[in-house]
Amino acid sequence: MKVVDLRSDTVTRPTPAMREAMARAEVGDDVFGDDPTVNALQERIASLTGKEAALYMTSGTQSNLAAIMSHCGRGDEYIVGQMHHTYRWEAGGAAVLGSVQPQPLEHEADGTLSLASIEAAIKPDDAHFAKSRLLCLENTLGGKALPMSFMAEATALARRRGLATHLDGARVFNAATALGVPVREIASHFDSLSVCFSKGLGAPVGSALCGSKALIKSAQRWRKMLGGGLRQAGVIAAGALYALDHHVERLADDHALARRLAEGLQGIAGLTVERPETNIVFIDVAGDRAAGLLPHLESRGVLATGLYRLRFVTHLDVDAEGVDRAVAAVRDYFNV
């Protein structure tokens, strides 16, 4: 029985054509800056995001950390949402390794942060406080595409108050697809952004940090210190380049499958299904029935996650038949 893996869009496997592109990749030593495929990828993603330069990283966690450490110094502070990866889901790296203090804020219902909360969190220039240096946002956030108006207003506020801005854009291509805008329009509001190739885009490894030449020069030093210096990385960079050429427009298919999944689960007593905006469907299960649902799904060949809410994520390795199998397995559990 073929497994329908809806745990994350990170579980995708390279397509045969992507594997072929990786096998044919020209390579060099990226630490010396002479891997032609890595250089091509960095130039391509910098152009797509409208930034001066980009740096290929092993992961989004490393990319975000290098960005924070490039924007902030020891004893500085970044303002961030409670559910943003740069605060909650990346092992506290900015504080532990960068000595940069996070100032987390509660989210609004739509995933945004209130402008008043951001303003109130910015510290005065006083020896009692850490220095507020950076505003970090994330788009998408829990599958929600944050509105362009919010990003424009929040980053304008940050600039007025002398803060730099960074976007964790791990799924920024999903956000751009949902919002109907080019990625560079989202990126234009931020001094830097991290872009992940190994989620919805389906490449096996890597993220890129995009920003000014000065920021990327600083990030390159941090990447080396963090153990992220890559050698013949063109082999994996070729997968990311292939994804940019072939897997961006098809993100709309993942969004459509997420809607199909959500619609298929409507009307089940005790189940609350959040309407998906992109490729992530969150479900809340009432009472004590939640505990047995994941094992039941696994017994039917369907994988999902339940770290804090039940989550299904569609991606290029899932088709309509797989989504329908997941719906049938959930309905079978609830006997509907």
C-alpha atoms as a PDB file:
ATOM      1  CA  MET A   1       0.000   0.000   0.000  1.00  0.00           C
ATOM      2  CA  LYS A   2       1.459   3.340  -1.073  1.00  0.00           C
ATOM      3  CA  VAL A   3       1.887   5.686   1.870  1.00  0.00           C
ATOM      4  CA  VAL A   4       0.203   9.091   1.622  1.00  0.00           C
ATOM      5  CA  ASP A   5       2.683  11.269   3.490  1.00  0.00           C
ATOM      6  CA  LEU A   6       1.001  14.513   4.569  1.00  0.00           C
ATOM      7  CA  ARG A   7       3.329  15.265   7.477  1.00  0.00           C
ATOM      8  CA  SER A   8       5.104  18.121   5.692  1.00  0.00           C
ATOM      9  CA  ASP A   9       6.137  19.381   2.277  1.00  0.00           C
ATOM     10  CA  THR A  10       9.708  18.638   3.382  1.00  0.00           C
ATOM     11  CA  VAL A  11       9.168  14.919   2.659  1.00  0.00           C
ATOM     12  CA  THR A  12       9.189  15.355  -1.125  1.00  0.00           C
ATOM     13  CA  ARG A  13      11.643  13.323  -3.175  1.00  0.00           C
ATOM     14  CA  PRO A  14      13.475  14.640  -6.240  1.00  0.00           C
ATOM     15  CA  THR A  15      11.656  13.885  -9.463  1.00  0.00           C
ATOM     16  CA  PRO A  16      13.513  11.845 -12.103  1.00  0.00           C
ATOM     17  CA  ALA A  17      14.126  15.004 -14.122  1.00  0.00           C
ATOM     18  CA  MET A  18      15.468  16.798 -11.053  1.00  0.00           C
ATOM     19  CA  ARG A  19      17.783  13.870 -10.309  1.00  0.00           C
ATOM     20  CA  GLU A  20      19.072  14.046 -13.863  1.00  0.00           C
ATOM     21  CA  ALA A  21      19.756  17.769 -13.522  1.00  0.00           C
ATOM     22  CA  MET A  22      21.618  17.111 -10.271  1.00  0.00           C
ATOM     23  CA  ALA A  23      23.680  14.338 -11.842  1.00  0.00           C
ATOM     24  CA  ARG A  24      24.719  16.644 -14.700  1.00  0.00           C
ATOM     25  CA  ALA A  25      25.569  19.624 -12.471  1.00  0.00           C
ATOM     26  CA  GLU A  26      28.865  21.422 -12.940  1.00  0.00           C
ATOM     27  CA  VAL A  27      30.610  21.725  -9.596  1.00  0.00           C
ATOM     28  CA  GLY A  28      33.484  23.517  -7.923  1.00  0.00           C
ATOM     29  CA  ASP A  29      34.447  24.408  -4.367  1.00  0.00           C
ATOM     30  CA  ASP A  30      31.813  26.783  -3.020  1.00  0.00           C
ATOM     31  CA  VAL A  31      33.952  27.876  -0.064  1.00  0.00           C
ATOM     32  CA  PHE A  32      36.300  29.345  -2.667  1.00  0.00           C
ATOM     33  CA  GLY A  33      33.287  30.719  -4.509  1.00  0.00           C
ATOM     34  CA  ASP A  34      33.938  28.753  -7.675  1.00  0.00           C
ATOM     35  CA  ASP A  35      31.023  26.336  -7.858  1.00  0.00           C
ATOM     36  CA  PRO A  36      29.247  27.540 -11.022  1.00  0.00           C
ATOM     37  CA  THR A  37      25.913  25.925 -10.200  1.00  0.00           C
ATOM     38  CA  VAL A  38      25.782  27.420  -6.705  1.00  0.00           C
ATOM     39  CA  ASN A  39      26.720  30.811  -8.150  1.00  0.00           C
ATOM     40  CA  ALA A  40      23.968  30.494 -10.755  1.00  0.00           C
ATOM     41  CA  LEU A  41      21.429  29.610  -8.077  1.00  0.00           C
ATOM     42  CA  GLN A  42      22.453  32.548  -5.905  1.00  0.00           C
ATOM     43  CA  GLU A  43      22.214  34.962  -8.820  1.00  0.00           C
ATOM     44  CA  ARG A  44      18.845  33.535  -9.837  1.00  0.00           C
ATOM     45  CA  ILE A  45      17.184  33.745  -6.414  1.00  0.00           C
ATOM     46  CA  ALA A  46      18.647  37.208  -5.806  1.00  0.00           C
ATOM     47  CA  SER A  47      17.089  38.344  -9.072  1.00  0.00           C
ATOM     48  CA  LEU A  48      13.725  36.728  -8.307  1.00  0.00           C
ATOM     49  CA  THR A  49      13.579  38.433  -4.904  1.00  0.00           C
ATOM     50  CA  GLY A  50      14.922  41.760  -6.152  1.00  0.00           C
ATOM     51  CA  LYS A  51      17.941  41.696  -3.851  1.00  0.00           C
ATOM     52  CA  GLU A  52      21.587  42.493  -4.574  1.00  0.00           C
ATOM     53  CA  ALA A  53      22.945  39.118  -3.525  1.00  0.00           C
ATOM     54  CA  ALA A  54      22.096  35.725  -2.067  1.00  0.00           C
ATOM     55  CA  LEU A  55      23.867  32.969  -0.166  1.00  0.00           C
ATOM     56  CA  TYR A  56      23.078  29.258  -0.419  1.00  0.00           C
ATOM     57  CA  MET A  57      22.550  27.689   3.014  1.00  0.00           C
ATOM     58  CA  THR A  58      22.076  24.144   4.236  1.00  0.00           C
ATOM     59  CA  SER A  59      18.716  24.945   5.859  1.00  0.00           C
ATOM     60  CA  GLY A  60      16.181  27.636   6.646  1.00  0.00           C
ATOM     61  CA  THR A  61      17.221  27.489  10.298  1.00  0.00           C
ATOM     62  CA  GLN A  62      20.804  28.315   9.354  1.00  0.00           C
ATOM     63  CA  SER A  63      19.666  31.006   6.937  1.00  0.00           C
ATOM     64  CA  ASN A  64      17.460  32.727   9.515  1.00  0.00           C
ATOM     65  CA  LEU A  65      20.142  32.491  12.197  1.00  0.00           C
ATOM     66  CA  ALA A  66      22.819  33.971   9.932  1.00  0.00           C
ATOM     67  CA  ALA A  67      20.417  36.782   9.053  1.00  0.00           C
ATOM     68  CA  ILE A  68      19.660  37.634  12.685  1.00  0.00           C
ATOM     69  CA  MET A  69      23.355  37.521  13.598  1.00  0.00           C
ATOM     70  CA  SER A  70      24.174  39.780  10.638  1.00  0.00           C
ATOM     71  CA  HIS A  71      21.528  42.338  11.570  1.00  0.00           C
ATOM     72  CA  CYS A  72      22.088  42.211  15.332  1.00  0.00           C
ATOM     73  CA  GLY A  73      25.018  42.180  17.746  1.00  0.00           C
ATOM     74  CA  ARG A  74      25.512  40.693  21.171  1.00  0.00           C
ATOM     75  CA  GLY A  75      22.923  42.134  23.555  1.00  0.00           C
ATOM     76  CA  ASP A  76      20.632  43.364  20.788  1.00  0.00           C
ATOM     77  CA  GLU A  77      16.996  42.338  20.399  1.00  0.00           C
ATOM     78  CA  TYR A  78      14.702  41.198  17.624  1.00  0.00           C
ATOM     79  CA  ILE A  79      10.913  41.556  17.717  1.00  0.00           C
ATOM     80  CA  VAL A  80       9.085  38.459  16.548  1.00  0.00           C
ATOM     81  CA  GLY A  81       5.772  36.608  16.747  1.00  0.00           C
ATOM     82  CA  GLN A  82       5.160  33.847  19.273  1.00  0.00           C
ATOM     83  CA  MET A  83       4.597  31.286  16.506  1.00  0.00           C
ATOM     84  CA  HIS A  84       7.334  32.442  14.147  1.00  0.00           C
ATOM     85  CA  HIS A  85      10.016  29.880  13.440  1.00  0.00           C
ATOM     86  CA  THR A  86      12.780  32.320  14.314  1.00  0.00           C
ATOM     87  CA  TYR A  87      11.470  32.321  17.879  1.00  0.00           C
ATOM     88  CA  ARG A  88       9.668  29.047  18.594  1.00  0.00           C
ATOM     89  CA  TRP A  89      10.808  26.357  16.205  1.00  0.00           C
ATOM     90  CA  GLU A  90      14.560  26.886  15.655  1.00  0.00           C
ATOM     91  CA  ALA A  91      15.906  25.728  19.019  1.00  0.00           C
ATOM     92  CA  GLY A  92      16.550  29.216  20.373  1.00  0.00           C
ATOM     93  CA  GLY A  93      19.618  29.599  18.172  1.00  0.00           C
ATOM     94  CA  ALA A  94      19.581  33.399  18.047  1.00  0.00           C
ATOM     95  CA  ALA A  95      19.749  33.595  21.860  1.00  0.00           C
ATOM     96  CA  VAL A  96      22.044  30.607  22.407  1.00  0.00           C
ATOM     97  CA  LEU A  97      24.534  31.179  19.599  1.00  0.00           C
ATOM     98  CA  GLY A  98      24.041  34.845  18.742  1.00  0.00           C
ATOM     99  CA  SER A  99      23.398  36.320  22.205  1.00  0.00           C
ATOM    100  CA  VAL A 100      20.461  38.150  20.601  1.00  0.00           C
ATOM    101  CA  GLN A 101      17.364  38.484  22.751  1.00  0.00           C
ATOM    102  CA  PRO A 102      13.972  37.685  21.200  1.00  0.00           C
ATOM    103  CA  GLN A 103      10.967  39.816  22.118  1.00  0.00           C
ATOM    104  CA  PRO A 104       7.983  37.610  21.199  1.00  0.00           C
ATOM    105  CA  LEU A 105       4.538  39.105  20.597  1.00  0.00           C
ATOM    106  CA  GLU A 106       1.096  37.479  20.490  1.00  0.00           C
ATOM    107  CA  HIS A 107      -0.496  37.047  17.074  1.00  0.00           C
ATOM    108  CA  GLU A 108      -3.777  38.369  15.840  1.00  0.00           C
ATOM    109  CA  ALA A 109      -6.320  35.802  14.593  1.00  0.00           C
ATOM    110  CA  ASP A 110      -5.083  36.178  11.005  1.00  0.00           C
ATOM    111  CA  GLY A 111      -1.464  35.553  11.982  1.00  0.00           C
ATOM    112  CA  THR A 112      -0.381  39.187  11.849  1.00  0.00           C
ATOM    113  CA  LEU A 113       1.049  41.220  14.716  1.00  0.00           C
ATOM    114  CA  SER A 114      -0.735  44.366  15.801  1.00  0.00           C
ATOM    115  CA  LEU A 115       1.157  47.508  14.855  1.00  0.00           C
ATOM    116  CA  ALA A 116       0.519  48.853  18.341  1.00  0.00           C
ATOM    117  CA  SER A 117       2.195  45.798  19.872  1.00  0.00           C
ATOM    118  CA  ILE A 118       5.217  46.168  17.597  1.00  0.00           C
ATOM    119  CA  GLU A 119       5.501  49.856  18.459  1.00  0.00           C
ATOM    120  CA  ALA A 120       5.189  49.183  22.191  1.00  0.00           C
ATOM    121  CA  ALA A 121       7.865  46.467  22.061  1.00  0.00           C
ATOM    122  CA  ILE A 122      10.544  48.777  20.635  1.00  0.00           C
ATOM    123  CA  LYS A 123      12.771  49.716  23.560  1.00  0.00           C
ATOM    124  CA  PRO A 124      13.952  53.226  24.355  1.00  0.00           C
ATOM    125  CA  ASP A 125      17.670  53.980  24.127  1.00  0.00           C
ATOM    126  CA  ASP A 126      18.378  53.273  27.775  1.00  0.00           C
ATOM    127  CA  ALA A 127      21.026  51.157  29.483  1.00  0.00           C
ATOM    128  CA  HIS A 128      18.330  49.091  31.195  1.00  0.00           C
ATOM    129  CA  PHE A 129      17.163  47.556  27.910  1.00  0.00           C
ATOM    130  CA  ALA A 130      18.458  45.429  25.101  1.00  0.00           C
ATOM    131  CA  LYS A 131      18.762  47.416  21.881  1.00  0.00           C
ATOM    132  CA  SER A 132      15.826  46.828  19.535  1.00  0.00           C
ATOM    133  CA  ARG A 133      17.439  46.230  16.146  1.00  0.00           C
ATOM    134  CA  LEU A 134      15.276  43.967  14.021  1.00  0.00           C
ATOM    135  CA  LEU A 135      11.690  43.032  13.174  1.00  0.00           C
ATOM    136  CA  CYS A 136      11.286  39.419  12.041  1.00  0.00           C
ATOM    137  CA  LEU A 137       8.126  38.296  10.263  1.00  0.00           C
ATOM    138  CA  GLU A 138       7.150  35.050   8.535  1.00  0.00           C
ATOM    139  CA  ASN A 139       5.105  34.410   5.391  1.00  0.00           C
ATOM    140  CA  THR A 140       3.370  32.037   5.080  1.00  0.00           C
ATOM    141  CA  LEU A 141       2.640  31.524   8.769  1.00  0.00           C
ATOM    142  CA  GLY A 142       0.866  28.276   9.579  1.00  0.00           C
ATOM    143  CA  GLY A 143      -0.244  28.197   5.977  1.00  0.00           C
ATOM    144  CA  LYS A 144      -1.711  31.709   6.124  1.00  0.00           C
ATOM    145  CA  ALA A 145      -0.554  34.208   3.519  1.00  0.00           C
ATOM    146  CA  LEU A 146      -0.056  37.454   5.418  1.00  0.00           C
ATOM    147  CA  PRO A 147      -1.620  40.446   3.622  1.00  0.00           C
ATOM    148  CA  MET A 148       0.561  42.778   1.584  1.00  0.00           C
ATOM    149  CA  SER A 149      -0.890  45.731   3.464  1.00  0.00           C
ATOM    150  CA  PHE A 150       0.252  44.323   6.811  1.00  0.00           C
ATOM    151  CA  MET A 151       3.778  43.668   5.587  1.00  0.00           C
ATOM    152  CA  ALA A 152       3.996  47.180   4.149  1.00  0.00           C
ATOM    153  CA  GLU A 153       2.720  48.838   7.320  1.00  0.00           C
ATOM    154  CA  ALA A 154       4.771  46.742   9.757  1.00  0.00           C
ATOM    155  CA  THR A 155       8.041  47.210   7.898  1.00  0.00           C
ATOM    156  CA  ALA A 156       7.385  50.942   7.412  1.00  0.00           C
ATOM    157  CA  LEU A 157       6.896  51.227  11.177  1.00  0.00           C
ATOM    158  CA  ALA A 158      10.151  49.371  11.763  1.00  0.00           C
ATOM    159  CA  ARG A 159      12.054  51.669   9.413  1.00  0.00           C
ATOM    160  CA  ARG A 160      10.635  54.785  11.067  1.00  0.00           C
ATOM    161  CA  ARG A 161      11.939  53.501  14.379  1.00  0.00           C
ATOM    162  CA  GLY A 162      15.366  52.570  13.024  1.00  0.00           C
ATOM    163  CA  LEU A 163      14.903  48.787  12.892  1.00  0.00           C
ATOM    164  CA  ALA A 164      16.001  46.469  10.102  1.00  0.00           C
ATOM    165  CA  THR A 165      13.541  43.881   8.792  1.00  0.00           C
ATOM    166  CA  HIS A 166      13.864  40.178   7.977  1.00  0.00           C
ATOM    167  CA  LEU A 167      11.324  37.764   6.515  1.00  0.00           C
ATOM    168  CA  ASP A 168      11.368  34.056   7.151  1.00  0.00           C
ATOM    169  CA  GLY A 169      10.070  33.249   3.695  1.00  0.00           C
ATOM    170  CA  ALA A 170      10.442  29.483   3.885  1.00  0.00           C
ATOM    171  CA  ARG A 171       7.174  29.212   1.930  1.00  0.00           C
ATOM    172  CA  VAL A 172       7.258  32.657   0.349  1.00  0.00           C
ATOM    173  CA  PHE A 173       6.490  31.178  -3.084  1.00  0.00           C
ATOM    174  CA  ASN A 174       3.309  29.685  -1.600  1.00  0.00           C
ATOM    175  CA  ALA A 175       2.473  33.106  -0.178  1.00  0.00           C
ATOM    176  CA  ALA A 176       3.083  34.788  -3.530  1.00  0.00           C
ATOM    177  CA  THR A 177       0.909  32.189  -5.274  1.00  0.00           C
ATOM    178  CA  ALA A 178      -1.954  32.742  -2.829  1.00  0.00           C
ATOM    179  CA  LEU A 179      -1.643  36.534  -2.954  1.00  0.00           C
ATOM    180  CA  GLY A 180      -1.281  36.636  -6.736  1.00  0.00           C
ATOM    181  CA  VAL A 181       1.904  38.712  -6.699  1.00  0.00           C
ATOM    182  CA  PRO A 182       5.529  38.104  -7.709  1.00  0.00           C
ATOM    183  CA  VAL A 183       7.830  37.078  -4.868  1.00  0.00           C
ATOM    184  CA  ARG A 184       9.842  40.278  -5.322  1.00  0.00           C
ATOM    185  CA  GLU A 185       6.790  42.346  -4.293  1.00  0.00           C
ATOM    186  CA  ILE A 186       6.753  40.586  -0.926  1.00  0.00           C
ATOM    187  CA  ALA A 187      10.534  40.767  -0.647  1.00  0.00           C
ATOM    188  CA  SER A 188      10.576  44.497  -1.439  1.00  0.00           C
ATOM    189  CA  HIS A 189       9.353  45.297   2.059  1.00  0.00           C
ATOM    190  CA  PHE A 190      12.267  43.558   3.795  1.00  0.00           C
ATOM    191  CA  ASP A 191      15.987  44.126   4.113  1.00  0.00           C
ATOM    192  CA  SER A 192      16.540  40.371   3.957  1.00  0.00           C
ATOM    193  CA  LEU A 193      14.586  37.179   3.506  1.00  0.00           C
ATOM    194  CA  SER A 194      15.191  33.457   3.705  1.00  0.00           C
ATOM    195  CA  VAL A 195      13.770  31.228   0.954  1.00  0.00           C
ATOM    196  CA  CYS A 196      13.486  27.447   1.346  1.00  0.00           C
ATOM    197  CA  PHE A 197      13.938  25.161  -1.658  1.00  0.00           C
ATOM    198  CA  SER A 198      13.188  21.886   0.153  1.00  0.00           C
ATOM    199  CA  LYS A 199       9.541  22.503   1.067  1.00  0.00           C
ATOM    200  CA  GLY A 200       6.878  23.122  -1.561  1.00  0.00           C
ATOM    201  CA  LEU A 201       9.454  23.619  -4.298  1.00  0.00           C
ATOM    202  CA  GLY A 202      10.505  19.999  -3.839  1.00  0.00           C
ATOM    203  CA  ALA A 203      14.313  20.242  -3.904  1.00  0.00           C
ATOM    204  CA  PRO A 204      16.141  17.864  -1.552  1.00  0.00           C
ATOM    205  CA  VAL A 205      18.330  20.340   0.356  1.00  0.00           C
ATOM    206  CA  GLY A 206      18.835  23.989   1.054  1.00  0.00           C
ATOM    207  CA  SER A 207      17.647  27.537   1.537  1.00  0.00           C
ATOM    208  CA  ALA A 208      18.959  30.902   0.440  1.00  0.00           C
ATOM    209  CA  LEU A 209      19.434  34.136   2.340  1.00  0.00           C
ATOM    210  CA  CYS A 210      18.812  37.167   0.127  1.00  0.00           C
ATOM    211  CA  GLY A 211      19.742  40.759   0.877  1.00  0.00           C
ATOM    212  CA  SER A 212      22.285  43.493   0.270  1.00  0.00           C
ATOM    213  CA  LYS A 213      25.866  42.681  -0.696  1.00  0.00           C
ATOM    214  CA  ALA A 214      27.039  43.920   2.698  1.00  0.00           C
ATOM    215  CA  LEU A 215      24.584  41.728   4.584  1.00  0.00           C
ATOM    216  CA  ILE A 216      25.463  38.654   2.525  1.00  0.00           C
ATOM    217  CA  LYS A 217      29.176  39.249   3.117  1.00  0.00           C
ATOM    218  CA  SER A 218      28.518  39.241   6.860  1.00  0.00           C
ATOM    219  CA  ALA A 219      26.263  36.182   6.589  1.00  0.00           C
ATOM    220  CA  GLN A 220      28.955  34.295   4.698  1.00  0.00           C
ATOM    221  CA  ARG A 221      31.284  34.647   7.684  1.00  0.00           C
ATOM    222  CA  TRP A 222      28.538  33.471  10.060  1.00  0.00           C
ATOM    223  CA  ARG A 223      27.744  30.549   7.752  1.00  0.00           C
ATOM    224  CA  LYS A 224      31.362  29.434   7.945  1.00  0.00           C
ATOM    225  CA  MET A 225      31.375  29.745  11.728  1.00  0.00           C
ATOM    226  CA  LEU A 226      28.143  27.755  11.962  1.00  0.00           C
ATOM    227  CA  GLY A 227      29.666  24.896   9.985  1.00  0.00           C
ATOM    228  CA  GLY A 228      27.767  25.673   6.811  1.00  0.00           C
ATOM    229  CA  GLY A 229      30.685  26.064   4.418  1.00  0.00           C
ATOM    230  CA  LEU A 230      29.815  23.908   1.401  1.00  0.00           C
ATOM    231  CA  ARG A 231      32.202  22.339  -1.077  1.00  0.00           C
ATOM    232  CA  GLN A 232      30.903  20.738  -4.310  1.00  0.00           C
ATOM    233  CA  ALA A 233      27.413  21.934  -3.494  1.00  0.00           C
ATOM    234  CA  GLY A 234      26.405  22.328  -7.127  1.00  0.00           C
ATOM    235  CA  VAL A 235      25.025  18.796  -6.963  1.00  0.00           C
ATOM    236  CA  ILE A 236      22.274  19.918  -4.602  1.00  0.00           C
ATOM    237  CA  ALA A 237      22.031  23.494  -5.889  1.00  0.00           C
ATOM    238  CA  ALA A 238      21.069  22.035  -9.270  1.00  0.00           C
ATOM    239  CA  GLY A 239      17.975  20.554  -7.645  1.00  0.00           C
ATOM    240  CA  ALA A 240      16.994  23.990  -6.349  1.00  0.00           C
ATOM    241  CA  LEU A 241      17.569  25.558  -9.772  1.00  0.00           C
ATOM    242  CA  TYR A 242      15.405  22.879 -11.356  1.00  0.00           C
ATOM    243  CA  ALA A 243      12.686  23.588  -8.776  1.00  0.00           C
ATOM    244  CA  LEU A 244      12.683  27.293  -9.600  1.00  0.00           C
ATOM    245  CA  ASP A 245      12.251  26.442 -13.284  1.00  0.00           C
ATOM    246  CA  HIS A 246       9.602  23.729 -12.941  1.00  0.00           C
ATOM    247  CA  HIS A 247       7.906  23.690  -9.524  1.00  0.00           C
ATOM    248  CA  VAL A 248       6.747  27.240  -8.816  1.00  0.00           C
ATOM    249  CA  GLU A 249       3.618  27.464 -10.975  1.00  0.00           C
ATOM    250  CA  ARG A 250       2.446  24.026  -9.825  1.00  0.00           C
ATOM    251  CA  LEU A 251       2.176  25.263  -6.188  1.00  0.00           C
ATOM    252  CA  ALA A 252      -1.389  26.239  -7.079  1.00  0.00           C
ATOM    253  CA  ASP A 253      -2.094  22.506  -7.492  1.00  0.00           C
ATOM    254  CA  ASP A 254      -1.010  21.885  -3.893  1.00  0.00           C
ATOM    255  CA  HIS A 255      -3.307  24.667  -2.706  1.00  0.00           C
ATOM    256  CA  ALA A 256      -6.218  23.144  -4.631  1.00  0.00           C
ATOM    257  CA  LEU A 257      -5.554  19.731  -3.057  1.00  0.00           C
ATOM    258  CA  ALA A 258      -5.505  21.294   0.407  1.00  0.00           C
ATOM    259  CA  ARG A 259      -8.936  22.785  -0.279  1.00  0.00           C
ATOM    260  CA  ARG A 260     -10.128  19.384  -1.527  1.00  0.00           C
ATOM    261  CA  LEU A 261      -8.937  17.804   1.719  1.00  0.00           C
ATOM    262  CA  ALA A 262     -10.574  20.450   3.902  1.00  0.00           C
ATOM    263  CA  GLU A 263     -13.856  20.213   2.012  1.00  0.00           C
ATOM    264  CA  GLY A 264     -13.839  16.438   2.300  1.00  0.00           C
ATOM    265  CA  LEU A 265     -13.591  16.657   6.093  1.00  0.00           C
ATOM    266  CA  GLN A 266     -16.444  19.112   6.550  1.00  0.00           C
ATOM    267  CA  GLY A 267     -19.488  17.986   8.508  1.00  0.00           C
ATOM    268  CA  ILE A 268     -17.782  15.512  10.854  1.00  0.00           C
ATOM    269  CA  ALA A 269     -19.026  15.952  14.426  1.00  0.00           C
ATOM    270  CA  GLY A 270     -16.223  16.895  16.809  1.00  0.00           C
ATOM    271  CA  LEU A 271     -13.913  18.007  14.003  1.00  0.00           C
ATOM    272  CA  THR A 272     -13.129  21.657  13.292  1.00  0.00           C
ATOM    273  CA  VAL A 273     -11.389  22.227   9.966  1.00  0.00           C
ATOM    274  CA  GLU A 274      -9.583  25.504   9.333  1.00  0.00           C
ATOM    275  CA  ARG A 275     -10.030  26.787   5.796  1.00  0.00           C
ATOM    276  CA  PRO A 276      -6.644  26.540   4.072  1.00  0.00           C
ATOM    277  CA  GLU A 277      -5.140  29.492   2.249  1.00  0.00           C
ATOM    278  CA  THR A 278      -2.171  27.599   0.848  1.00  0.00           C
ATOM    279  CA  ASN A 279      -1.026  23.979   1.228  1.00  0.00           C
ATOM    280  CA  ILE A 280      -1.536  23.432   4.973  1.00  0.00           C
ATOM    281  CA  VAL A 281      -4.742  22.193   6.607  1.00  0.00           C
ATOM    282  CA  PHE A 282      -5.132  22.420  10.389  1.00  0.00           C
ATOM    283  CA  ILE A 283      -7.757  20.368  12.193  1.00  0.00           C
ATOM    284  CA  ASP A 284      -8.884  20.436  15.822  1.00  0.00           C
ATOM    285  CA  VAL A 285     -10.390  17.269  17.322  1.00  0.00           C
ATOM    286  CA  ALA A 286     -12.702  17.634  20.308  1.00  0.00           C
ATOM    287  CA  GLY A 287     -12.528  15.408  23.374  1.00  0.00           C
ATOM    288  CA  ASP A 288     -10.441  12.300  23.845  1.00  0.00           C
ATOM    289  CA  ARG A 289     -10.750  11.022  20.285  1.00  0.00           C
ATOM    290  CA  ALA A 290      -7.687  12.992  19.166  1.00  0.00           C
ATOM    291  CA  ALA A 291      -5.249  10.539  20.779  1.00  0.00           C
ATOM    292  CA  GLY A 292      -6.171   7.612  18.561  1.00  0.00           C
ATOM    293  CA  LEU A 293      -6.530   9.420  15.249  1.00  0.00           C
ATOM    294  CA  LEU A 294      -2.874   9.510  14.144  1.00  0.00           C
ATOM    295  CA  PRO A 295      -2.297   5.766  14.818  1.00  0.00           C
ATOM    296  CA  HIS A 296      -5.518   4.988  12.958  1.00  0.00           C
ATOM    297  CA  LEU A 297      -4.413   7.037   9.963  1.00  0.00           C
ATOM    298  CA  GLU A 298      -1.013   5.371   9.954  1.00  0.00           C
ATOM    299  CA  SER A 299      -2.673   1.952   9.924  1.00  0.00           C
ATOM    300  CA  ARG A 300      -4.447   3.089   6.743  1.00  0.00           C
ATOM    301  CA  GLY A 301      -1.210   4.283   5.137  1.00  0.00           C
ATOM    302  CA  VAL A 302      -1.778   7.983   5.817  1.00  0.00           C
ATOM    303  CA  LEU A 303       0.765  10.067   7.735  1.00  0.00           C
ATOM    304  CA  ALA A 304       0.067  13.415   9.416  1.00  0.00           C
ATOM    305  CA  THR A 305       1.474  15.349  12.370  1.00  0.00           C
ATOM    306  CA  GLY A 306      -0.072  16.425  15.657  1.00  0.00           C
ATOM    307  CA  LEU A 307       2.622  18.423  17.437  1.00  0.00           C
ATOM    308  CA  TYR A 308       0.158  21.034  18.664  1.00  0.00           C
ATOM    309  CA  ARG A 309      -2.752  20.655  16.227  1.00  0.00           C
ATOM    310  CA  LEU A 310      -3.511  17.986  13.659  1.00  0.00           C
ATOM    311  CA  ARG A 311      -1.819  19.108  10.442  1.00  0.00           C
ATOM    312  CA  PHE A 312      -1.941  17.896   6.851  1.00  0.00           C
ATOM    313  CA  VAL A 313       0.399  19.369   4.224  1.00  0.00           C
ATOM    314  CA  THR A 314      -0.033  18.823   0.490  1.00  0.00           C
ATOM    315  CA  HIS A 315       2.932  18.769  -1.886  1.00  0.00           C
ATOM    316  CA  LEU A 316       4.120  17.472  -5.246  1.00  0.00           C
ATOM    317  CA  ASP A 317       4.258  13.837  -4.062  1.00  0.00           C
ATOM    318  CA  VAL A 318       0.536  13.854  -3.165  1.00  0.00           C
ATOM    319  CA  ASP A 319      -2.253  13.597  -5.723  1.00  0.00           C
ATOM    320  CA  ALA A 320      -6.054  13.734  -5.602  1.00  0.00           C
ATOM    321  CA  GLU A 321      -6.292   9.986  -4.989  1.00  0.00           C
ATOM    322  CA  GLY A 322      -4.005  10.322  -1.961  1.00  0.00           C
ATOM    323  CA  VAL A 323      -6.056  13.203  -0.570  1.00  0.00           C
ATOM    324  CA  ASP A 324      -9.257  11.193  -1.016  1.00  0.00           C
ATOM    325  CA  ARG A 325      -7.662   8.247   0.813  1.00  0.00           C
ATOM    326  CA  ALA A 326      -6.807  10.560   3.706  1.00  0.00           C
ATOM    327  CA  VAL A 327     -10.372  11.870   3.825  1.00  0.00           C
ATOM    328  CA  ALA A 328     -11.764   8.336   3.761  1.00  0.00           C
ATOM    329  CA  ALA A 329      -9.435   7.262   6.587  1.00  0.00           C
ATOM    330  CA  VAL A 330     -10.513  10.151   8.805  1.00  0.00           C
ATOM    331  CA  ARG A 331     -14.181   9.522   8.077  1.00  0.00           C
ATOM    332  CA  ASP A 332     -13.726   5.856   8.819  1.00  0.00           C
ATOM    333  CA  TYR A 333     -12.269   6.742  12.223  1.00  0.00           C
ATOM    334  CA  PHE A 334     -15.315   8.850  13.050  1.00  0.00           C
ATOM    335  CA  ASN A 335     -17.685   6.317  11.446  1.00  0.00           C
ATOM    336  CA  VAL A 336     -19.153   8.813   9.010  1.00  0.00           C
END
